[in-house]
PDB file of N, CA and C in Angstrom:
ATOM      1  N   UNK A   1     -10.647  10.846   0.815  1.00  0.00           N
ATOM      2  CA  UNK A   1     -11.338  10.454   1.775  1.00  0.00           C
ATOM      3  C   UNK A   1     -11.421   8.739   2.007  1.00  0.00           C
ATOM      4  N   UNK A   2     -11.524   8.406   3.374  1.00  0.00           N
ATOM      5  CA  UNK A   2     -11.106   7.094   3.513  1.00  0.00           C
ATOM      6  C   UNK A   2     -12.588   6.231   3.910  1.00  0.00           C
ATOM      7  N   UNK A   3     -12.552   4.927   4.174  1.00  0.00           N
ATOM      8  CA  UNK A   3     -13.502   4.199   4.731  1.00  0.00           C
ATOM      9  C   UNK A   3     -12.864   3.211   5.649  1.00  0.00           C
ATOM     10  N   UNK A   4     -13.840   2.909   6.587  1.00  0.00           N
ATOM     11  CA  UNK A   4     -13.788   1.848   7.340  1.00  0.00           C
ATOM     12  C   UNK A   4     -14.064   0.660   7.172  1.00  0.00           C
ATOM     13  N   UNK A   5     -12.731  -0.265   7.022  1.00  0.00           N
ATOM     14  CA  UNK A   5     -12.893  -1.683   6.621  1.00  0.00           C
ATOM     15  C   UNK A   5     -12.735  -2.668   7.917  1.00  0.00           C
ATOM     16  N   UNK A   6     -13.229  -3.546   7.964  1.00  0.00           N
ATOM     17  CA  UNK A   6     -13.140  -4.687   9.021  1.00  0.00           C
ATOM     18  C   UNK A   6     -12.360  -6.077   8.238  1.00  0.00           C
ATOM     19  N   UNK A   7     -11.340  -6.391   8.885  1.00  0.00           N
ATOM     20  CA  UNK A   7     -10.435  -7.767   8.669  1.00  0.00           C
ATOM     21  C   UNK A   7     -10.286  -8.338   9.659  1.00  0.00           C
ATOM     22  N   UNK A   8      -9.946  -9.745   9.487  1.00  0.00           N
ATOM     23  CA  UNK A   8      -9.810 -10.846  10.705  1.00  0.00           C
ATOM     24  C   UNK A   8      -8.586 -11.317  10.327  1.00  0.00           C
ATOM     25  N   UNK A   9      -7.812 -11.202  11.291  1.00  0.00           N
ATOM     26  CA  UNK A   9      -6.438 -12.102  11.195  1.00  0.00           C
ATOM     27  C   UNK A   9      -6.320 -12.857  12.491  1.00  0.00           C
ATOM     28  N   UNK A  10      -6.245 -14.311  11.955  1.00  0.00           N
ATOM     29  CA  UNK A  10      -6.154 -15.182  13.171  1.00  0.00           C
ATOM     30  C   UNK A  10      -7.244 -15.236  14.478  1.00  0.00           C
ATOM     31  N   UNK A  11      -8.460 -14.818  13.540  1.00  0.00           N
ATOM     32  CA  UNK A  11      -9.515 -15.083  14.396  1.00  0.00           C
ATOM     33  C   UNK A  11      -9.874 -13.409  15.384  1.00  0.00           C
ATOM     34  N   UNK A  12      -8.895 -12.684  14.927  1.00  0.00           N
ATOM     35  CA  UNK A  12      -8.968 -11.123  15.684  1.00  0.00           C
ATOM     36  C   UNK A  12      -9.500 -10.416  14.385  1.00  0.00           C
ATOM     37  N   UNK A  13     -10.428  -9.643  15.067  1.00  0.00           N
ATOM     38  CA  UNK A  13     -11.320  -8.865  14.017  1.00  0.00           C
ATOM     39  C   UNK A  13     -10.778  -7.068  14.368  1.00  0.00           C
ATOM     40  N   UNK A  14     -10.427  -6.815  13.365  1.00  0.00           N
ATOM     41  CA  UNK A  14      -9.871  -5.454  13.285  1.00  0.00           C
ATOM     42  C   UNK A  14     -10.368  -4.474  12.266  1.00  0.00           C
ATOM     43  N   UNK A  15     -10.756  -3.001  12.953  1.00  0.00           N
ATOM     44  CA  UNK A  15     -11.449  -2.153  12.036  1.00  0.00           C
ATOM     45  C   UNK A  15     -10.101  -1.080  11.586  1.00  0.00           C
ATOM     46  N   UNK A  16      -9.728  -0.944  10.365  1.00  0.00           N
ATOM     47  CA  UNK A  16      -8.855  -0.083   9.662  1.00  0.00           C
ATOM     48  C   UNK A  16      -9.449   0.959   8.596  1.00  0.00           C
ATOM     49  N   UNK A  17      -8.634   1.891   8.603  1.00  0.00           N
ATOM     50  CA  UNK A  17      -8.912   2.883   7.682  1.00  0.00           C
ATOM     51  C   UNK A  17      -8.266   2.585   6.140  1.00  0.00           C
ATOM     52  N   UNK A  18      -9.097   2.749   5.353  1.00  0.00           N
ATOM     53  CA  UNK A  18      -8.752   2.276   3.754  1.00  0.00           C
ATOM     54  C   UNK A  18      -9.130   3.619   2.903  1.00  0.00           C
ATOM     55  N   UNK A  19      -8.180   3.934   2.199  1.00  0.00           N
ATOM     56  CA  UNK A  19      -8.290   4.848   1.192  1.00  0.00           C
ATOM     57  C   UNK A  19      -9.386   4.585   0.175  1.00  0.00           C
ATOM     58  N   UNK A  20     -10.062   5.371  -0.313  1.00  0.00           N
ATOM     59  CA  UNK A  20     -11.207   5.206  -1.201  1.00  0.00           C
ATOM     60  C   UNK A  20     -10.794   4.526  -2.525  1.00  0.00           C
ATOM     61  N   UNK A  21     -11.369   3.753  -2.795  1.00  0.00           N
ATOM     62  CA  UNK A  21     -11.028   2.688  -4.117  1.00  0.00           C
ATOM     63  C   UNK A  21      -9.888   1.867  -3.738  1.00  0.00           C
ATOM     64  N   UNK A  22      -9.434   1.439  -2.831  1.00  0.00           N
ATOM     65  CA  UNK A  22      -8.438   0.734  -2.201  1.00  0.00           C
ATOM     66  C   UNK A  22      -8.867  -0.713  -1.485  1.00  0.00           C
ATOM     67  N   UNK A  23     -10.206  -0.697  -1.117  1.00  0.00           N
ATOM     68  CA  UNK A  23     -10.482  -1.697  -0.288  1.00  0.00           C
ATOM     69  C   UNK A  23     -10.757  -3.233  -0.715  1.00  0.00           C
ATOM     70  N   UNK A  24     -10.547  -3.345  -2.061  1.00  0.00           N
ATOM     71  CA  UNK A  24     -10.252  -4.631  -2.675  1.00  0.00           C
ATOM     72  C   UNK A  24      -8.832  -5.212  -2.126  1.00  0.00           C
ATOM     73  N   UNK A  25      -7.913  -4.216  -2.547  1.00  0.00           N
ATOM     74  CA  UNK A  25      -6.564  -4.688  -2.231  1.00  0.00           C
ATOM     75  C   UNK A  25      -6.140  -4.772  -0.835  1.00  0.00           C
ATOM     76  N   UNK A  26      -6.707  -3.860  -0.186  1.00  0.00           N
ATOM     77  CA  UNK A  26      -6.665  -4.326   1.442  1.00  0.00           C
ATOM     78  C   UNK A  26      -7.097  -5.403   1.946  1.00  0.00           C
ATOM     79  N   UNK A  27      -8.313  -5.925   1.439  1.00  0.00           N
ATOM     80  CA  UNK A  27      -8.931  -6.999   1.620  1.00  0.00           C
ATOM     81  C   UNK A  27      -8.097  -8.402   1.230  1.00  0.00           C
ATOM     82  N   UNK A  28      -7.549  -8.158   0.142  1.00  0.00           N
ATOM     83  CA  UNK A  28      -6.752  -9.397  -0.497  1.00  0.00           C
ATOM     84  C   UNK A  28      -5.485  -9.228   0.232  1.00  0.00           C
ATOM     85  N   UNK A  29      -4.847  -8.170   0.712  1.00  0.00           N
ATOM     86  CA  UNK A  29      -3.593  -8.281   1.674  1.00  0.00           C
ATOM     87  C   UNK A  29      -3.809  -8.732   2.930  1.00  0.00           C
ATOM     88  N   UNK A  30      -5.018  -8.449   3.398  1.00  0.00           N
ATOM     89  CA  UNK A  30      -5.333  -8.957   4.727  1.00  0.00           C
ATOM     90  C   UNK A  30      -5.378 -10.580   4.619  1.00  0.00           C
ATOM     91  N   UNK A  31      -6.003 -11.172   3.596  1.00  0.00           N
ATOM     92  CA  UNK A  31      -6.225 -12.796   3.410  1.00  0.00           C
ATOM     93  C   UNK A  31      -4.821 -13.278   3.255  1.00  0.00           C
ATOM     94  N   UNK A  32      -3.979 -12.505   2.333  1.00  0.00           N
ATOM     95  CA  UNK A  32      -2.556 -13.050   2.169  1.00  0.00           C
ATOM     96  C   UNK A  32      -1.960 -13.239   3.569  1.00  0.00           C
ATOM     97  N   UNK A  33      -2.001 -12.132   4.395  1.00  0.00           N
ATOM     98  CA  UNK A  33      -1.422 -12.113   5.674  1.00  0.00           C
ATOM     99  C   UNK A  33      -1.850 -13.190   6.529  1.00  0.00           C
ATOM    100  N   UNK A  34      -3.451 -13.219   6.552  1.00  0.00           N
ATOM    101  CA  UNK A  34      -4.203 -14.382   7.519  1.00  0.00           C
ATOM    102  C   UNK A  34      -3.393 -15.545   6.985  1.00  0.00           C
ATOM    103  N   UNK A  35      -3.369 -15.965   6.048  1.00  0.00           N
ATOM    104  CA  UNK A  35      -2.991 -17.055   5.166  1.00  0.00           C
ATOM    105  C   UNK A  35      -1.166 -17.657   5.962  1.00  0.00           C
ATOM    106  N   UNK A  36      -0.612 -16.488   5.642  1.00  0.00           N
ATOM    107  CA  UNK A  36       0.522 -16.618   6.391  1.00  0.00           C
ATOM    108  C   UNK A  36       0.995 -16.727   7.931  1.00  0.00           C
ATOM    109  N   UNK A  37       0.104 -15.890   8.399  1.00  0.00           N
ATOM    110  CA  UNK A  37      -0.009 -16.120   9.753  1.00  0.00           C
ATOM    111  C   UNK A  37      -0.475 -17.664  10.244  1.00  0.00           C
ATOM    112  N   UNK A  38      -1.589 -18.326   9.521  1.00  0.00           N
ATOM    113  CA  UNK A  38      -1.941 -19.494   9.774  1.00  0.00           C
ATOM    114  C   UNK A  38      -0.999 -20.415   9.646  1.00  0.00           C
ATOM    115  N   UNK A  39      -0.045 -20.459   8.492  1.00  0.00           N
ATOM    116  CA  UNK A  39       0.822 -21.246   8.263  1.00  0.00           C
ATOM    117  C   UNK A  39       2.218 -21.108   9.429  1.00  0.00           C
ATOM    118  N   UNK A  40       2.526 -19.874   9.970  1.00  0.00           N
ATOM    119  CA  UNK A  40       3.203 -20.117  10.981  1.00  0.00           C
ATOM    120  C   UNK A  40       2.793 -20.462  12.213  1.00  0.00           C
ATOM    121  N   UNK A  41       1.457 -20.263  12.508  1.00  0.00           N
ATOM    122  CA  UNK A  41       0.962 -20.686  13.816  1.00  0.00           C
ATOM    123  C   UNK A  41       0.942 -22.389  13.703  1.00  0.00           C
ATOM    124  N   UNK A  42       0.784 -22.904  12.623  1.00  0.00           N
ATOM    125  CA  UNK A  42       0.799 -24.388  12.441  1.00  0.00           C
ATOM    126  C   UNK A  42       2.133 -24.774  12.846  1.00  0.00           C
ATOM    127  N   UNK A  43       2.886 -24.253  12.351  1.00  0.00           N
ATOM    128  CA  UNK A  43       4.780 -24.896  12.425  1.00  0.00           C
ATOM    129  C   UNK A  43       5.142 -24.551  13.851  1.00  0.00           C
ATOM    130  N   UNK A  44       4.312 -23.449  14.364  1.00  0.00           N
ATOM    131  CA  UNK A  44       5.064 -22.977  15.913  1.00  0.00           C
ATOM    132  C   UNK A  44       3.553 -22.631  16.637  1.00  0.00           C
ATOM    133  N   UNK A  45       2.934 -23.983  16.903  1.00  0.00           N
ATOM    134  CA  UNK A  45       1.630 -23.442  17.668  1.00  0.00           C
ATOM    135  C   UNK A  45       2.153 -22.955  19.129  1.00  0.00           C
ATOM    136  N   UNK A  46       3.376 -23.085  19.658  1.00  0.00           N
ATOM    137  CA  UNK A  46       3.201 -22.056  20.954  1.00  0.00           C
ATOM    138  C   UNK A  46       3.862 -20.769  21.028  1.00  0.00           C
ATOM    139  N   UNK A  47       4.018 -20.379  19.714  1.00  0.00           N
ATOM    140  CA  UNK A  47       4.557 -19.038  19.465  1.00  0.00           C
ATOM    141  C   UNK A  47       3.310 -17.780  19.992  1.00  0.00           C
ATOM    142  N   UNK A  48       3.752 -16.883  20.376  1.00  0.00           N
ATOM    143  CA  UNK A  48       2.769 -15.624  20.724  1.00  0.00           C
ATOM    144  C   UNK A  48       2.254 -15.223  19.479  1.00  0.00           C
ATOM    145  N   UNK A  49       1.237 -14.540  19.572  1.00  0.00           N
ATOM    146  CA  UNK A  49       0.667 -13.763  18.401  1.00  0.00           C
ATOM    147  C   UNK A  49       1.302 -12.695  17.840  1.00  0.00           C
ATOM    148  N   UNK A  50       1.994 -12.115  18.874  1.00  0.00           N
ATOM    149  CA  UNK A  50       3.264 -11.294  18.122  1.00  0.00           C
ATOM    150  C   UNK A  50       4.405 -11.809  17.325  1.00  0.00           C
ATOM    151  N   UNK A  51       4.801 -12.850  18.047  1.00  0.00           N
ATOM    152  CA  UNK A  51       5.744 -13.636  17.275  1.00  0.00           C
ATOM    153  C   UNK A  51       5.391 -14.405  15.663  1.00  0.00           C
ATOM    154  N   UNK A  52       3.932 -14.803  15.629  1.00  0.00           N
ATOM    155  CA  UNK A  52       3.515 -15.059  14.600  1.00  0.00           C
ATOM    156  C   UNK A  52       3.092 -14.177  13.602  1.00  0.00           C
ATOM    157  N   UNK A  53       2.882 -13.122  14.071  1.00  0.00           N
ATOM    158  CA  UNK A  53       2.921 -11.661  13.026  1.00  0.00           C
ATOM    159  C   UNK A  53       4.083 -11.361  12.523  1.00  0.00           C
ATOM    160  N   UNK A  54       5.263 -11.527  13.519  1.00  0.00           N
ATOM    161  CA  UNK A  54       6.228 -11.033  13.026  1.00  0.00           C
ATOM    162  C   UNK A  54       7.080 -12.033  11.977  1.00  0.00           C
ATOM    163  N   UNK A  55       6.944 -13.011  12.163  1.00  0.00           N
ATOM    164  CA  UNK A  55       7.542 -13.855  11.458  1.00  0.00           C
ATOM    165  C   UNK A  55       6.680 -14.095   9.977  1.00  0.00           C
ATOM    166  N   UNK A  56       5.390 -14.049   9.983  1.00  0.00           N
ATOM    167  CA  UNK A  56       4.534 -13.856   8.923  1.00  0.00           C
ATOM    168  C   UNK A  56       5.017 -12.300   7.992  1.00  0.00           C
ATOM    169  N   UNK A  57       5.206 -11.713   8.461  1.00  0.00           N
ATOM    170  CA  UNK A  57       5.361 -10.285   8.071  1.00  0.00           C
ATOM    171  C   UNK A  57       7.014 -10.408   7.546  1.00  0.00           C
ATOM    172  N   UNK A  58       7.983 -11.144   8.307  1.00  0.00           N
ATOM    173  CA  UNK A  58       9.162 -11.233   7.473  1.00  0.00           C
ATOM    174  C   UNK A  58       9.116 -12.304   6.393  1.00  0.00           C
ATOM    175  N   UNK A  59       8.547 -13.208   6.342  1.00  0.00           N
ATOM    176  CA  UNK A  59       8.277 -14.160   5.284  1.00  0.00           C
ATOM    177  C   UNK A  59       7.669 -13.439   3.946  1.00  0.00           C
ATOM    178  N   UNK A  60       6.582 -12.560   4.302  1.00  0.00           N
ATOM    179  CA  UNK A  60       6.287 -11.861   3.054  1.00  0.00           C
ATOM    180  C   UNK A  60       7.134 -10.931   2.657  1.00  0.00           C
ATOM    181  N   UNK A  61       8.018 -10.255   3.179  1.00  0.00           N
ATOM    182  CA  UNK A  61       8.697  -9.101   3.104  1.00  0.00           C
ATOM    183  C   UNK A  61       9.957  -9.882   2.220  1.00  0.00           C
ATOM    184  N   UNK A  62      10.460 -11.267   2.555  1.00  0.00           N
ATOM    185  CA  UNK A  62      11.426 -11.808   1.935  1.00  0.00           C
ATOM    186  C   UNK A  62      10.970 -12.440   0.582  1.00  0.00           C
ATOM    187  N   UNK A  63       9.633 -12.596   0.598  1.00  0.00           N
ATOM    188  CA  UNK A  63       9.251 -13.104  -1.040  1.00  0.00           C
ATOM    189  C   UNK A  63       9.088 -11.755  -1.771  1.00  0.00           C
ATOM    190  N   UNK A  64       8.641 -10.603  -1.132  1.00  0.00           N
ATOM    191  CA  UNK A  64       8.557  -9.395  -2.233  1.00  0.00           C
ATOM    192  C   UNK A  64       9.965  -9.023  -2.372  1.00  0.00           C
ATOM    193  N   UNK A  65      11.059  -9.163  -1.573  1.00  0.00           N
ATOM    194  CA  UNK A  65      12.276  -8.935  -1.963  1.00  0.00           C
ATOM    195  C   UNK A  65      12.665  -9.697  -3.114  1.00  0.00           C
ATOM    196  N   UNK A  66      12.429 -11.136  -3.098  1.00  0.00           N
ATOM    197  CA  UNK A  66      12.794 -12.051  -4.081  1.00  0.00           C
ATOM    198  C   UNK A  66      12.099 -11.551  -5.306  1.00  0.00           C
ATOM    199  N   UNK A  67      10.979 -11.400  -5.178  1.00  0.00           N
ATOM    200  CA  UNK A  67      10.190 -11.230  -6.590  1.00  0.00           C
ATOM    201  C   UNK A  67      10.885  -9.822  -7.017  1.00  0.00           C
ATOM    202  N   UNK A  68      11.219  -8.618  -6.172  1.00  0.00           N
ATOM    203  CA  UNK A  68      11.668  -7.427  -6.995  1.00  0.00           C
ATOM    204  C   UNK A  68      13.115  -7.910  -7.571  1.00  0.00           C
ATOM    205  N   UNK A  69      13.902  -8.777  -6.708  1.00  0.00           N
ATOM    206  CA  UNK A  69      15.298  -8.992  -7.193  1.00  0.00           C
ATOM    207  C   UNK A  69      14.938  -9.656  -8.814  1.00  0.00           C
ATOM    208  N   UNK A  70      13.928 -10.669  -8.899  1.00  0.00           N
ATOM    209  CA  UNK A  70      13.786 -11.384  -9.983  1.00  0.00           C
ATOM    210  C   UNK A  70      13.489 -10.535 -11.192  1.00  0.00           C
ATOM    211  N   UNK A  71      12.640  -9.333 -10.710  1.00  0.00           N
ATOM    212  CA  UNK A  71      12.115  -8.433 -12.036  1.00  0.00           C
ATOM    213  C   UNK A  71      13.236  -7.627 -12.298  1.00  0.00           C
ATOM    214  N   UNK A  72      14.192  -7.546 -11.372  1.00  0.00           N
ATOM    215  CA  UNK A  72      15.323  -6.654 -11.965  1.00  0.00           C
ATOM    216  C   UNK A  72      16.218  -7.500 -12.690  1.00  0.00           C
ATOM    217  N   UNK A  73      16.672  -8.882 -12.607  1.00  0.00           N
ATOM    218  CA  UNK A  73      16.883  -9.679 -13.378  1.00  0.00           C
ATOM    219  C   UNK A  73      16.583  -9.852 -14.603  1.00  0.00           C
ATOM    220  N   UNK A  74      15.177  -9.914 -14.580  1.00  0.00           N
ATOM    221  CA  UNK A  74      14.285 -10.014 -15.859  1.00  0.00           C
ATOM    222  C   UNK A  74      14.587  -8.816 -16.793  1.00  0.00           C
ATOM    223  N   UNK A  75      14.442  -7.643 -16.216  1.00  0.00           N
ATOM    224  CA  UNK A  75      14.591  -6.441 -16.857  1.00  0.00           C
ATOM    225  C   UNK A  75      15.922  -6.223 -17.496  1.00  0.00           C
ATOM    226  N   UNK A  76      16.917  -6.638 -16.855  1.00  0.00           N
ATOM    227  CA  UNK A  76      18.365  -6.630 -17.159  1.00  0.00           C
ATOM    228  C   UNK A  76      18.630  -7.624 -18.455  1.00  0.00           C
ATOM    229  N   UNK A  77      17.915  -8.880 -18.409  1.00  0.00           N
ATOM    230  CA  UNK A  77      17.969  -9.654 -19.518  1.00  0.00           C
ATOM    231  C   UNK A  77      17.228  -9.166 -20.730  1.00  0.00           C
ATOM    232  N   UNK A  78      16.174  -8.537 -20.521  1.00  0.00           N
ATOM    233  CA  UNK A  78      15.405  -7.879 -21.672  1.00  0.00           C
ATOM    234  C   UNK A  78      16.130  -7.002 -22.267  1.00  0.00           C
ATOM    235  N   UNK A  79      16.982  -6.096 -21.445  1.00  0.00           N
ATOM    236  CA  UNK A  79      17.600  -4.626 -21.922  1.00  0.00           C
ATOM    237  C   UNK A  79      18.972  -5.600 -22.910  1.00  0.00           C
ATOM    238  N   UNK A  80      19.523  -6.380 -22.494  1.00  0.00           N
ATOM    239  CA  UNK A  80      20.414  -7.203 -23.097  1.00  0.00           C
ATOM    240  C   UNK A  80      19.934  -8.013 -24.397  1.00  0.00           C
ATOM    241  N   UNK A  81      18.686  -8.343 -24.068  1.00  0.00           N
ATOM    242  CA  UNK A  81      18.225  -9.222 -25.598  1.00  0.00           C
ATOM    243  C   UNK A  81      17.858  -8.215 -26.462  1.00  0.00           C
ATOM    244  N   UNK A  82      17.362  -6.693 -26.022  1.00  0.00           N
ATOM    245  CA  UNK A  82      17.142  -5.849 -26.863  1.00  0.00           C
ATOM    246  C   UNK A  82      18.174  -5.490 -27.682  1.00  0.00           C
ATOM    247  N   UNK A  83      19.364  -5.234 -26.932  1.00  0.00           N
ATOM    248  CA  UNK A  83      20.622  -4.637 -27.447  1.00  0.00           C
ATOM    249  C   UNK A  83      21.144  -5.545 -28.738  1.00  0.00           C
ATOM    250  N   UNK A  84      20.981  -7.052 -28.181  1.00  0.00           N
ATOM    251  CA  UNK A  84      21.628  -8.076 -29.258  1.00  0.00           C
ATOM    252  C   UNK A  84      20.870  -7.854 -30.505  1.00  0.00           C
ATOM    253  N   UNK A  85      19.610  -7.807 -30.478  1.00  0.00           N
ATOM    254  CA  UNK A  85      18.699  -7.686 -31.524  1.00  0.00           C
ATOM    255  C   UNK A  85      18.829  -6.282 -32.181  1.00  0.00           C
ATOM    256  N   UNK A  86      19.026  -5.394 -31.846  1.00  0.00           N
ATOM    257  CA  UNK A  86      19.364  -4.218 -32.491  1.00  0.00           C
ATOM    258  C   UNK A  86      20.474  -4.210 -32.864  1.00  0.00           C
ATOM    259  N   UNK A  87      21.762  -4.685 -32.315  1.00  0.00           N
ATOM    260  CA  UNK A  87      22.931  -5.133 -33.098  1.00  0.00           C
ATOM    261  C   UNK A  87      22.697  -6.016 -34.406  1.00  0.00           C
ATOM    262  N   UNK A  88      21.941  -7.237 -33.835  1.00  0.00           N
ATOM    263  CA  UNK A  88      22.053  -7.909 -35.303  1.00  0.00           C
ATOM    264  C   UNK A  88      21.312  -7.306 -36.341  1.00  0.00           C
ATOM    265  N   UNK A  89      20.394  -6.521 -36.224  1.00  0.00           N
ATOM    266  CA  UNK A  89      19.521  -5.806 -37.172  1.00  0.00           C
ATOM    267  C   UNK A  89      20.550  -4.883 -38.012  1.00  0.00           C
ATOM    268  N   UNK A  90      21.550  -4.065 -37.110  1.00  0.00           N
ATOM    269  CA  UNK A  90      22.396  -3.075 -37.523  1.00  0.00           C
ATOM    270  C   UNK A  90      23.101  -3.588 -38.499  1.00  0.00           C
ATOM    271  N   UNK A  91      23.595  -4.945 -38.156  1.00  0.00           N
ATOM    272  CA  UNK A  91      24.770  -5.570 -39.125  1.00  0.00           C
ATOM    273  C   UNK A  91      24.272  -5.924 -40.448  1.00  0.00           C
TER     274      UNK A  91
END
């Protein structure tokens, strides 16, 4: 079951469907997107709304990818460290 939520992005109000139990996450996501869009709009005041949205989405996607890559690197480091600890304990 989904519910209707109203979000605001750059003073534009949108109604979106939201799965039950996900309203808080969707509102937080909308707030994050709005903040990114405001930053882009401040840097490029003549950019169209579409370009502002696309640049903000690209920035957020880049941050997500960077975080994912960092998580993978951290997991690899933890695996190596665990192997070293296990080897040291076995000796």
